[in-house]
Amino acid sequence: LYWQALAPTAASLKYFAHLVGAGEQIVAPRAALPGDGAFPPQGWRPGEYLTDVVRLEVKPGAAAGDYKLFVGLYDPQTNVRAPVRDAEGKALGDRLLLGTVTVR
């Protein structure tokens, strides 16, 4: 993942990355501080880019097929997700669809 701060934040946000199947079933969950704690968001400077490697482990027994990959940020104290907006500021919800992943 590539993160970019648009403004300073005091919040200690975590990210989530989920592979999601039919019925919103999550077969590969991940939640952590960016950079596994090395990149706390409250230290990000506006305009700065950070690169983060995220590994997902598919739960045993998950069916083969196509799954949607979503990411987002949330406050671990309240579990409230941060809003996602496009480049023009249009609200996209509370998670971003990155693409489709095929599990074999």
PDB file of N, CA and C in Angstrom:
ATOM      1  N   LEU A   1       0.842  -1.174   0.000  1.00  0.00           N
ATOM      2  CA  LEU A   1       0.000   0.000   0.000  1.00  0.00           C
ATOM      3  C   LEU A   1       0.884   1.234   0.000  1.00  0.00           C
ATOM      4  N   TYR A   2       0.380   2.290  -0.579  1.00  0.00           N
ATOM      5  CA  TYR A   2       1.042   3.582  -0.543  1.00  0.00           C
ATOM      6  C   TYR A   2       0.133   4.536   0.205  1.00  0.00           C
ATOM      7  N   TRP A   3       0.660   5.143   1.251  1.00  0.00           N
ATOM      8  CA  TRP A   3      -0.104   6.085   2.061  1.00  0.00           C
ATOM      9  C   TRP A   3       0.410   7.491   1.788  1.00  0.00           C
ATOM     10  N   GLN A   4      -0.512   8.458   1.780  1.00  0.00           N
ATOM     11  CA  GLN A   4      -0.118   9.858   1.686  1.00  0.00           C
ATOM     12  C   GLN A   4      -0.998  10.663   2.627  1.00  0.00           C
ATOM     13  N   ALA A   5      -0.371  11.443   3.480  1.00  0.00           N
ATOM     14  CA  ALA A   5      -1.106  12.326   4.373  1.00  0.00           C
ATOM     15  C   ALA A   5      -1.459  13.597   3.616  1.00  0.00           C
ATOM     16  N   LEU A   6      -2.720  14.004   3.720  1.00  0.00           N
ATOM     17  CA  LEU A   6      -3.138  15.271   3.123  1.00  0.00           C
ATOM     18  C   LEU A   6      -3.136  16.383   4.162  1.00  0.00           C
ATOM     19  N   ALA A   7      -3.217  15.989   5.431  1.00  0.00           N
ATOM     20  CA  ALA A   7      -3.213  16.941   6.541  1.00  0.00           C
ATOM     21  C   ALA A   7      -2.726  16.203   7.779  1.00  0.00           C
ATOM     22  N   PRO A   8      -2.239  16.932   8.784  1.00  0.00           N
ATOM     23  CA  PRO A   8      -1.807  16.281  10.019  1.00  0.00           C
ATOM     24  C   PRO A   8      -2.995  15.626  10.735  1.00  0.00           C
ATOM     25  N   THR A   9      -2.715  14.572  11.499  1.00  0.00           N
ATOM     26  CA  THR A   9      -3.746  13.934  12.312  1.00  0.00           C
ATOM     27  C   THR A   9      -3.163  13.614  13.677  1.00  0.00           C
ATOM     28  N   ALA A  10      -4.003  13.732  14.687  1.00  0.00           N
ATOM     29  CA  ALA A  10      -3.590  13.374  16.047  1.00  0.00           C
ATOM     30  C   ALA A  10      -4.035  11.954  16.374  1.00  0.00           C
ATOM     31  N   ALA A  11      -4.851  11.386  15.512  1.00  0.00           N
ATOM     32  CA  ALA A  11      -5.409  10.052  15.765  1.00  0.00           C
ATOM     33  C   ALA A  11      -4.383   8.959  15.488  1.00  0.00           C
ATOM     34  N   SER A  12      -4.427   7.921  16.297  1.00  0.00           N
ATOM     35  CA  SER A  12      -3.574   6.746  16.093  1.00  0.00           C
ATOM     36  C   SER A  12      -4.373   5.728  15.287  1.00  0.00           C
ATOM     37  N   LEU A  13      -4.501   5.980  14.003  1.00  0.00           N
ATOM     38  CA  LEU A  13      -5.324   5.145  13.135  1.00  0.00           C
ATOM     39  C   LEU A  13      -4.617   3.850  12.768  1.00  0.00           C
ATOM     40  N   LYS A  14      -5.418   2.803  12.618  1.00  0.00           N
ATOM     41  CA  LYS A  14      -4.952   1.537  12.068  1.00  0.00           C
ATOM     42  C   LYS A  14      -5.570   1.376  10.688  1.00  0.00           C
ATOM     43  N   TYR A  15      -4.960   0.513   9.894  1.00  0.00           N
ATOM     44  CA  TYR A  15      -5.572   0.175   8.612  1.00  0.00           C
ATOM     45  C   TYR A  15      -6.186  -1.218   8.731  1.00  0.00           C
ATOM     46  N   PHE A  16      -7.122  -1.494   7.834  1.00  0.00           N
ATOM     47  CA  PHE A  16      -7.615  -2.856   7.668  1.00  0.00           C
ATOM     48  C   PHE A  16      -7.501  -3.197   6.201  1.00  0.00           C
ATOM     49  N   ALA A  17      -7.232  -4.455   5.935  1.00  0.00           N
ATOM     50  CA  ALA A  17      -7.219  -5.000   4.575  1.00  0.00           C
ATOM     51  C   ALA A  17      -7.987  -6.309   4.651  1.00  0.00           C
ATOM     52  N   HIS A  18      -8.988  -6.449   3.797  1.00  0.00           N
ATOM     53  CA  HIS A  18      -9.846  -7.637   3.826  1.00  0.00           C
ATOM     54  C   HIS A  18     -10.037  -8.191   2.427  1.00  0.00           C
ATOM     55  N   LEU A  19      -9.947  -9.514   2.295  1.00  0.00           N
ATOM     56  CA  LEU A  19     -10.444 -10.193   1.101  1.00  0.00           C
ATOM     57  C   LEU A  19     -11.870 -10.595   1.426  1.00  0.00           C
ATOM     58  N   VAL A  20     -12.802 -10.140   0.606  1.00  0.00           N
ATOM     59  CA  VAL A  20     -14.220 -10.313   0.895  1.00  0.00           C
ATOM     60  C   VAL A  20     -14.895 -11.096  -0.219  1.00  0.00           C
ATOM     61  N   GLY A  21     -15.655 -12.106   0.177  1.00  0.00           N
ATOM     62  CA  GLY A  21     -16.375 -12.927  -0.784  1.00  0.00           C
ATOM     63  C   GLY A  21     -17.863 -12.646  -0.766  1.00  0.00           C
ATOM     64  N   ALA A  22     -18.607 -13.588  -1.310  1.00  0.00           N
ATOM     65  CA  ALA A  22     -20.067 -13.472  -1.378  1.00  0.00           C
ATOM     66  C   ALA A  22     -20.631 -13.283   0.019  1.00  0.00           C
ATOM     67  N   GLY A  23     -21.661 -12.459   0.136  1.00  0.00           N
ATOM     68  CA  GLY A  23     -22.293 -12.232   1.421  1.00  0.00           C
ATOM     69  C   GLY A  23     -21.421 -11.470   2.397  1.00  0.00           C
ATOM     70  N   GLU A  24     -20.421 -10.748   1.866  1.00  0.00           N
ATOM     71  CA  GLU A  24     -19.500  -9.957   2.697  1.00  0.00           C
ATOM     72  C   GLU A  24     -18.662 -10.814   3.645  1.00  0.00           C
ATOM     73  N   GLN A  25     -18.494 -12.095   3.322  1.00  0.00           N
ATOM     74  CA  GLN A  25     -17.674 -12.980   4.139  1.00  0.00           C
ATOM     75  C   GLN A  25     -16.207 -12.607   3.972  1.00  0.00           C
ATOM     76  N   ILE A  26     -15.528 -12.333   5.091  1.00  0.00           N
ATOM     77  CA  ILE A  26     -14.111 -11.981   5.067  1.00  0.00           C
ATOM     78  C   ILE A  26     -13.296 -13.263   5.218  1.00  0.00           C
ATOM     79  N   VAL A  27     -12.482 -13.565   4.197  1.00  0.00           N
ATOM     80  CA  VAL A  27     -11.679 -14.796   4.226  1.00  0.00           C
ATOM     81  C   VAL A  27     -10.209 -14.531   4.526  1.00  0.00           C
ATOM     82  N   ALA A  28      -9.792 -13.270   4.499  1.00  0.00           N
ATOM     83  CA  ALA A  28      -8.413 -12.924   4.826  1.00  0.00           C
ATOM     84  C   ALA A  28      -8.413 -11.552   5.489  1.00  0.00           C
ATOM     85  N   PRO A  29      -8.539 -11.507   6.824  1.00  0.00           N
ATOM     86  CA  PRO A  29      -8.540 -10.225   7.514  1.00  0.00           C
ATOM     87  C   PRO A  29      -7.137  -9.799   7.940  1.00  0.00           C
ATOM     88  N   ARG A  30      -6.924  -8.505   7.979  1.00  0.00           N
ATOM     89  CA  ARG A  30      -5.665  -7.953   8.501  1.00  0.00           C
ATOM     90  C   ARG A  30      -5.981  -6.576   9.051  1.00  0.00           C
ATOM     91  N   ALA A  31      -5.491  -6.271  10.233  1.00  0.00           N
ATOM     92  CA  ALA A  31      -5.620  -4.947  10.829  1.00  0.00           C
ATOM     93  C   ALA A  31      -4.335  -4.666  11.591  1.00  0.00           C
ATOM     94  N   ALA A  32      -3.759  -3.489  11.366  1.00  0.00           N
ATOM     95  CA  ALA A  32      -2.491  -3.151  12.013  1.00  0.00           C
ATOM     96  C   ALA A  32      -2.215  -1.665  11.859  1.00  0.00           C
ATOM     97  N   LEU A  33      -1.242  -1.195  12.605  1.00  0.00           N
ATOM     98  CA  LEU A  33      -0.729   0.146  12.368  1.00  0.00           C
ATOM     99  C   LEU A  33       0.077   0.112  11.076  1.00  0.00           C
ATOM    100  N   PRO A  34       0.031   1.160  10.265  1.00  0.00           N
ATOM    101  CA  PRO A  34       0.834   1.171   9.048  1.00  0.00           C
ATOM    102  C   PRO A  34       2.299   0.868   9.352  1.00  0.00           C
ATOM    103  N   GLY A  35       2.911   0.074   8.485  1.00  0.00           N
ATOM    104  CA  GLY A  35       4.301  -0.323   8.667  1.00  0.00           C
ATOM    105  C   GLY A  35       4.505  -1.192   9.882  1.00  0.00           C
ATOM    106  N   ASP A  36       3.441  -1.932  10.282  1.00  0.00           N
ATOM    107  CA  ASP A  36       3.485  -2.744  11.508  1.00  0.00           C
ATOM    108  C   ASP A  36       3.967  -1.917  12.694  1.00  0.00           C
ATOM    109  N   GLY A  37       3.497  -0.672  12.770  1.00  0.00           N
ATOM    110  CA  GLY A  37       3.817   0.220  13.873  1.00  0.00           C
ATOM    111  C   GLY A  37       4.948   1.185  13.592  1.00  0.00           C
ATOM    112  N   ALA A  38       5.672   0.989  12.496  1.00  0.00           N
ATOM    113  CA  ALA A  38       6.802   1.862  12.174  1.00  0.00           C
ATOM    114  C   ALA A  38       6.363   3.206  11.581  1.00  0.00           C
ATOM    115  N   PHE A  39       5.112   3.287  11.076  1.00  0.00           N
ATOM    116  CA  PHE A  39       4.616   4.510  10.431  1.00  0.00           C
ATOM    117  C   PHE A  39       3.343   5.008  11.119  1.00  0.00           C
ATOM    118  N   PRO A  40       3.364   5.383  12.392  1.00  0.00           N
ATOM    119  CA  PRO A  40       2.129   5.847  13.031  1.00  0.00           C
ATOM    120  C   PRO A  40       1.590   7.095  12.329  1.00  0.00           C
ATOM    121  N   PRO A  41       0.299   7.106  11.976  1.00  0.00           N
ATOM    122  CA  PRO A  41      -0.270   8.215  11.200  1.00  0.00           C
ATOM    123  C   PRO A  41      -0.106   9.590  11.835  1.00  0.00           C
ATOM    124  N   GLN A  42      -0.063   9.666  13.167  1.00  0.00           N
ATOM    125  CA  GLN A  42       0.084  10.992  13.780  1.00  0.00           C
ATOM    126  C   GLN A  42       1.471  11.590  13.506  1.00  0.00           C
ATOM    127  N   GLY A  43       2.403  10.812  12.962  1.00  0.00           N
ATOM    128  CA  GLY A  43       3.722  11.318  12.591  1.00  0.00           C
ATOM    129  C   GLY A  43       3.851  11.654  11.108  1.00  0.00           C
ATOM    130  N   TRP A  44       2.797  11.418  10.322  1.00  0.00           N
ATOM    131  CA  TRP A  44       2.866  11.687   8.891  1.00  0.00           C
ATOM    132  C   TRP A  44       2.861  13.192   8.628  1.00  0.00           C
ATOM    133  N   ARG A  45       3.687  13.611   7.678  1.00  0.00           N
ATOM    134  CA  ARG A  45       3.704  15.015   7.266  1.00  0.00           C
ATOM    135  C   ARG A  45       2.873  15.171   5.997  1.00  0.00           C
ATOM    136  N   PRO A  46       2.122  16.265   5.882  1.00  0.00           N
ATOM    137  CA  PRO A  46       1.326  16.487   4.668  1.00  0.00           C
ATOM    138  C   PRO A  46       2.184  16.387   3.414  1.00  0.00           C
ATOM    139  N   GLY A  47       1.693  15.606   2.447  1.00  0.00           N
ATOM    140  CA  GLY A  47       2.392  15.412   1.184  1.00  0.00           C
ATOM    141  C   GLY A  47       3.356  14.235   1.181  1.00  0.00           C
ATOM    142  N   GLU A  48       3.700  13.735   2.355  1.00  0.00           N
ATOM    143  CA  GLU A  48       4.639  12.622   2.459  1.00  0.00           C
ATOM    144  C   GLU A  48       3.977  11.319   1.999  1.00  0.00           C
ATOM    145  N   TYR A  49       4.729  10.498   1.255  1.00  0.00           N
ATOM    146  CA  TYR A  49       4.270   9.173   0.840  1.00  0.00           C
ATOM    147  C   TYR A  49       5.004   8.112   1.647  1.00  0.00           C
ATOM    148  N   LEU A  50       4.282   7.073   2.038  1.00  0.00           N
ATOM    149  CA  LEU A  50       4.872   5.946   2.742  1.00  0.00           C
ATOM    150  C   LEU A  50       4.476   4.667   2.037  1.00  0.00           C
ATOM    151  N   THR A  51       5.400   3.726   1.935  1.00  0.00           N
ATOM    152  CA  THR A  51       5.145   2.435   1.302  1.00  0.00           C
ATOM    153  C   THR A  51       5.039   1.382   2.391  1.00  0.00           C
ATOM    154  N   ASP A  52       3.999   0.567   2.310  1.00  0.00           N
ATOM    155  CA  ASP A  52       3.715  -0.433   3.338  1.00  0.00           C
ATOM    156  C   ASP A  52       3.422  -1.770   2.663  1.00  0.00           C
ATOM    157  N   VAL A  53       4.151  -2.810   3.050  1.00  0.00           N
ATOM    158  CA  VAL A  53       3.907  -4.152   2.525  1.00  0.00           C
ATOM    159  C   VAL A  53       2.896  -4.841   3.443  1.00  0.00           C
ATOM    160  N   VAL A  54       1.815  -5.321   2.857  1.00  0.00           N
ATOM    161  CA  VAL A  54       0.751  -5.967   3.624  1.00  0.00           C
ATOM    162  C   VAL A  54       0.593  -7.392   3.123  1.00  0.00           C
ATOM    163  N   ARG A  55       0.668  -8.334   4.046  1.00  0.00           N
ATOM    164  CA  ARG A  55       0.479  -9.742   3.691  1.00  0.00           C
ATOM    165  C   ARG A  55      -0.828 -10.228   4.302  1.00  0.00           C
ATOM    166  N   LEU A  56      -1.630 -10.871   3.484  1.00  0.00           N
ATOM    167  CA  LEU A  56      -2.895 -11.440   3.941  1.00  0.00           C
ATOM    168  C   LEU A  56      -2.801 -12.953   3.928  1.00  0.00           C
ATOM    169  N   GLU A  57      -3.341 -13.583   4.944  1.00  0.00           N
ATOM    170  CA  GLU A  57      -3.402 -15.039   4.993  1.00  0.00           C
ATOM    171  C   GLU A  57      -4.861 -15.464   4.860  1.00  0.00           C
ATOM    172  N   VAL A  58      -5.130 -16.255   3.839  1.00  0.00           N
ATOM    173  CA  VAL A  58      -6.481 -16.744   3.599  1.00  0.00           C
ATOM    174  C   VAL A  58      -6.798 -17.821   4.630  1.00  0.00           C
ATOM    175  N   LYS A  59      -7.987 -17.704   5.221  1.00  0.00           N
ATOM    176  CA  LYS A  59      -8.408 -18.671   6.234  1.00  0.00           C
ATOM    177  C   LYS A  59      -8.483 -20.074   5.632  1.00  0.00           C
ATOM    178  N   PRO A  60      -8.057 -21.087   6.392  1.00  0.00           N
ATOM    179  CA  PRO A  60      -8.183 -22.470   5.905  1.00  0.00           C
ATOM    180  C   PRO A  60      -9.641 -22.783   5.577  1.00  0.00           C
ATOM    181  N   GLY A  61      -9.841 -23.509   4.518  1.00  0.00           N
ATOM    182  CA  GLY A  61     -11.193 -23.892   4.127  1.00  0.00           C
ATOM    183  C   GLY A  61     -11.916 -22.882   3.259  1.00  0.00           C
ATOM    184  N   ALA A  62     -11.285 -21.736   2.979  1.00  0.00           N
ATOM    185  CA  ALA A  62     -11.919 -20.756   2.096  1.00  0.00           C
ATOM    186  C   ALA A  62     -12.048 -21.336   0.699  1.00  0.00           C
ATOM    187  N   ALA A  63     -13.175 -21.115   0.088  1.00  0.00           N
ATOM    188  CA  ALA A  63     -13.423 -21.642  -1.252  1.00  0.00           C
ATOM    189  C   ALA A  63     -12.539 -20.938  -2.283  1.00  0.00           C
ATOM    190  N   ALA A  64     -12.127 -21.675  -3.290  1.00  0.00           N
ATOM    191  CA  ALA A  64     -11.411 -21.065  -4.407  1.00  0.00           C
ATOM    192  C   ALA A  64     -12.367 -20.131  -5.135  1.00  0.00           C
ATOM    193  N   GLY A  65     -11.807 -19.075  -5.701  1.00  0.00           N
ATOM    194  CA  GLY A  65     -12.632 -18.138  -6.459  1.00  0.00           C
ATOM    195  C   GLY A  65     -12.113 -16.719  -6.362  1.00  0.00           C
ATOM    196  N   ASP A  66     -12.919 -15.798  -6.840  1.00  0.00           N
ATOM    197  CA  ASP A  66     -12.553 -14.383  -6.859  1.00  0.00           C
ATOM    198  C   ASP A  66     -13.087 -13.684  -5.616  1.00  0.00           C
ATOM    199  N   TYR A  67     -12.236 -12.849  -5.029  1.00  0.00           N
ATOM    200  CA  TYR A  67     -12.576 -12.086  -3.828  1.00  0.00           C
ATOM    201  C   TYR A  67     -12.203 -10.628  -4.050  1.00  0.00           C
ATOM    202  N   LYS A  68     -12.963  -9.737  -3.446  1.00  0.00           N
ATOM    203  CA  LYS A  68     -12.671  -8.308  -3.525  1.00  0.00           C
ATOM    204  C   LYS A  68     -11.689  -7.941  -2.419  1.00  0.00           C
ATOM    205  N   LEU A  69     -10.726  -7.082  -2.759  1.00  0.00           N
ATOM    206  CA  LEU A  69      -9.743  -6.610  -1.806  1.00  0.00           C
ATOM    207  C   LEU A  69     -10.098  -5.169  -1.413  1.00  0.00           C
ATOM    208  N   PHE A  70     -10.417  -4.989  -0.134  1.00  0.00           N
ATOM    209  CA  PHE A  70     -10.765  -3.675   0.402  1.00  0.00           C
ATOM    210  C   PHE A  70      -9.726  -3.238   1.421  1.00  0.00           C
ATOM    211  N   VAL A  71      -9.493  -1.920   1.505  1.00  0.00           N
ATOM    212  CA  VAL A  71      -8.656  -1.345   2.557  1.00  0.00           C
ATOM    213  C   VAL A  71      -9.338  -0.099   3.103  1.00  0.00           C
ATOM    214  N   GLY A  72      -8.930   0.276   4.300  1.00  0.00           N
ATOM    215  CA  GLY A  72      -9.441   1.496   4.911  1.00  0.00           C
ATOM    216  C   GLY A  72      -8.691   1.772   6.197  1.00  0.00           C
ATOM    217  N   LEU A  73      -9.028   2.882   6.815  1.00  0.00           N
ATOM    218  CA  LEU A  73      -8.448   3.280   8.094  1.00  0.00           C
ATOM    219  C   LEU A  73      -9.550   3.355   9.135  1.00  0.00           C
ATOM    220  N   TYR A  74      -9.187   3.090  10.394  1.00  0.00           N
ATOM    221  CA  TYR A  74     -10.170   3.203  11.470  1.00  0.00           C
ATOM    222  C   TYR A  74      -9.479   3.582  12.775  1.00  0.00           C
ATOM    223  N   ASP A  75     -10.276   4.117  13.708  1.00  0.00           N
ATOM    224  CA  ASP A  75      -9.801   4.478  15.032  1.00  0.00           C
ATOM    225  C   ASP A  75      -9.972   3.254  15.932  1.00  0.00           C
ATOM    226  N   PRO A  76      -8.883   2.655  16.432  1.00  0.00           N
ATOM    227  CA  PRO A  76      -9.014   1.431  17.234  1.00  0.00           C
ATOM    228  C   PRO A  76      -9.683   1.668  18.588  1.00  0.00           C
ATOM    229  N   GLN A  77      -9.751   2.914  19.043  1.00  0.00           N
ATOM    230  CA  GLN A  77     -10.420   3.210  20.310  1.00  0.00           C
ATOM    231  C   GLN A  77     -11.935   3.134  20.172  1.00  0.00           C
ATOM    232  N   THR A  78     -12.455   3.542  19.002  1.00  0.00           N
ATOM    233  CA  THR A  78     -13.904   3.601  18.791  1.00  0.00           C
ATOM    234  C   THR A  78     -14.397   2.616  17.737  1.00  0.00           C
ATOM    235  N   ASN A  79     -13.470   2.043  16.958  1.00  0.00           N
ATOM    236  CA  ASN A  79     -13.785   1.192  15.803  1.00  0.00           C
ATOM    237  C   ASN A  79     -14.532   1.935  14.697  1.00  0.00           C
ATOM    238  N   VAL A  80     -14.501   3.254  14.722  1.00  0.00           N
ATOM    239  CA  VAL A  80     -15.131   4.056  13.673  1.00  0.00           C
ATOM    240  C   VAL A  80     -14.149   4.179  12.510  1.00  0.00           C
ATOM    241  N   ARG A  81     -14.653   3.870  11.318  1.00  0.00           N
ATOM    242  CA  ARG A  81     -13.823   3.945  10.114  1.00  0.00           C
ATOM    243  C   ARG A  81     -13.744   5.374   9.602  1.00  0.00           C
ATOM    244  N   ALA A  82     -12.591   5.706   9.045  1.00  0.00           N
ATOM    245  CA  ALA A  82     -12.396   7.016   8.424  1.00  0.00           C
ATOM    246  C   ALA A  82     -13.096   7.029   7.069  1.00  0.00           C
ATOM    247  N   PRO A  83     -13.682   8.158   6.685  1.00  0.00           N
ATOM    248  CA  PRO A  83     -14.322   8.226   5.371  1.00  0.00           C
ATOM    249  C   PRO A  83     -13.297   8.176   4.251  1.00  0.00           C
ATOM    250  N   VAL A  84     -13.703   7.596   3.129  1.00  0.00           N
ATOM    251  CA  VAL A  84     -12.864   7.515   1.930  1.00  0.00           C
ATOM    252  C   VAL A  84     -13.454   8.483   0.907  1.00  0.00           C
ATOM    253  N   ARG A  85     -12.579   9.279   0.299  1.00  0.00           N
ATOM    254  CA  ARG A  85     -13.010  10.246  -0.717  1.00  0.00           C
ATOM    255  C   ARG A  85     -12.119  10.127  -1.948  1.00  0.00           C
ATOM    256  N   ASP A  86     -12.687  10.436  -3.110  1.00  0.00           N
ATOM    257  CA  ASP A  86     -11.884  10.428  -4.330  1.00  0.00           C
ATOM    258  C   ASP A  86     -11.120  11.746  -4.453  1.00  0.00           C
ATOM    259  N   ALA A  87     -10.377  11.921  -5.528  1.00  0.00           N
ATOM    260  CA  ALA A  87      -9.537  13.108  -5.718  1.00  0.00           C
ATOM    261  C   ALA A  87     -10.340  14.404  -5.750  1.00  0.00           C
ATOM    262  N   GLU A  88     -11.609  14.321  -6.125  1.00  0.00           N
ATOM    263  CA  GLU A  88     -12.462  15.511  -6.179  1.00  0.00           C
ATOM    264  C   GLU A  88     -13.196  15.748  -4.859  1.00  0.00           C
ATOM    265  N   GLY A  89     -12.984  14.865  -3.876  1.00  0.00           N
ATOM    266  CA  GLY A  89     -13.633  15.028  -2.578  1.00  0.00           C
ATOM    267  C   GLY A  89     -14.970  14.316  -2.443  1.00  0.00           C
ATOM    268  N   LYS A  90     -15.377  13.565  -3.464  1.00  0.00           N
ATOM    269  CA  LYS A  90     -16.647  12.841  -3.418  1.00  0.00           C
ATOM    270  C   LYS A  90     -16.535  11.656  -2.450  1.00  0.00           C
ATOM    271  N   ALA A  91     -17.519  11.511  -1.575  1.00  0.00           N
ATOM    272  CA  ALA A  91     -17.527  10.422  -0.595  1.00  0.00           C
ATOM    273  C   ALA A  91     -17.688   9.076  -1.300  1.00  0.00           C
ATOM    274  N   LEU A  92     -16.855   8.111  -0.907  1.00  0.00           N
ATOM    275  CA  LEU A  92     -16.893   6.771  -1.486  1.00  0.00           C
ATOM    276  C   LEU A  92     -17.275   5.707  -0.458  1.00  0.00           C
ATOM    277  N   GLY A  93     -17.546   6.111   0.768  1.00  0.00           N
ATOM    278  CA  GLY A  93     -17.889   5.158   1.816  1.00  0.00           C
ATOM    279  C   GLY A  93     -16.795   5.106   2.864  1.00  0.00           C
ATOM    280  N   ASP A  94     -16.661   3.932   3.505  1.00  0.00           N
ATOM    281  CA  ASP A  94     -15.673   3.807   4.578  1.00  0.00           C
ATOM    282  C   ASP A  94     -14.591   2.761   4.273  1.00  0.00           C
ATOM    283  N   ARG A  95     -14.498   2.366   3.021  1.00  0.00           N
ATOM    284  CA  ARG A  95     -13.450   1.449   2.578  1.00  0.00           C
ATOM    285  C   ARG A  95     -13.240   1.661   1.092  1.00  0.00           C
ATOM    286  N   LEU A  96     -12.053   1.286   0.627  1.00  0.00           N
ATOM    287  CA  LEU A  96     -11.693   1.475  -0.774  1.00  0.00           C
ATOM    288  C   LEU A  96     -11.477   0.114  -1.421  1.00  0.00           C
ATOM    289  N   LEU A  97     -12.135  -0.122  -2.534  1.00  0.00           N
ATOM    290  CA  LEU A  97     -11.950  -1.355  -3.299  1.00  0.00           C
ATOM    291  C   LEU A  97     -10.688  -1.200  -4.144  1.00  0.00           C
ATOM    292  N   LEU A  98      -9.702  -2.079  -3.893  1.00  0.00           N
ATOM    293  CA  LEU A  98      -8.459  -2.044  -4.668  1.00  0.00           C
ATOM    294  C   LEU A  98      -8.503  -2.916  -5.893  1.00  0.00           C
ATOM    295  N   GLY A  99      -9.318  -3.962  -5.870  1.00  0.00           N
ATOM    296  CA  GLY A  99      -9.386  -4.866  -7.006  1.00  0.00           C
ATOM    297  C   GLY A  99      -9.878  -6.232  -6.606  1.00  0.00           C
ATOM    298  N   THR A 100      -9.687  -7.173  -7.492  1.00  0.00           N
ATOM    299  CA  THR A 100     -10.131  -8.559  -7.272  1.00  0.00           C
ATOM    300  C   THR A 100      -8.905  -9.463  -7.194  1.00  0.00           C
ATOM    301  N   VAL A 101      -8.971 -10.409  -6.270  1.00  0.00           N
ATOM    302  CA  VAL A 101      -7.893 -11.366  -6.077  1.00  0.00           C
ATOM    303  C   VAL A 101      -8.485 -12.757  -6.265  1.00  0.00           C
ATOM    304  N   THR A 102      -7.810 -13.614  -7.011  1.00  0.00           N
ATOM    305  CA  THR A 102      -8.261 -14.989  -7.206  1.00  0.00           C
ATOM    306  C   THR A 102      -7.548 -15.897  -6.228  1.00  0.00           C
ATOM    307  N   VAL A 103      -8.336 -16.643  -5.455  1.00  0.00           N
ATOM    308  CA  VAL A 103      -7.802 -17.635  -4.523  1.00  0.00           C
ATOM    309  C   VAL A 103      -7.945 -18.987  -5.195  1.00  0.00           C
ATOM    310  N   ARG A 104      -6.866 -19.760  -5.202  1.00  0.00           N
ATOM    311  CA  ARG A 104      -6.893 -21.087  -5.830  1.00  0.00           C
ATOM    312  C   ARG A 104      -6.741 -22.166  -4.793  1.00  0.00           C
TER     313      ARG A 104
END
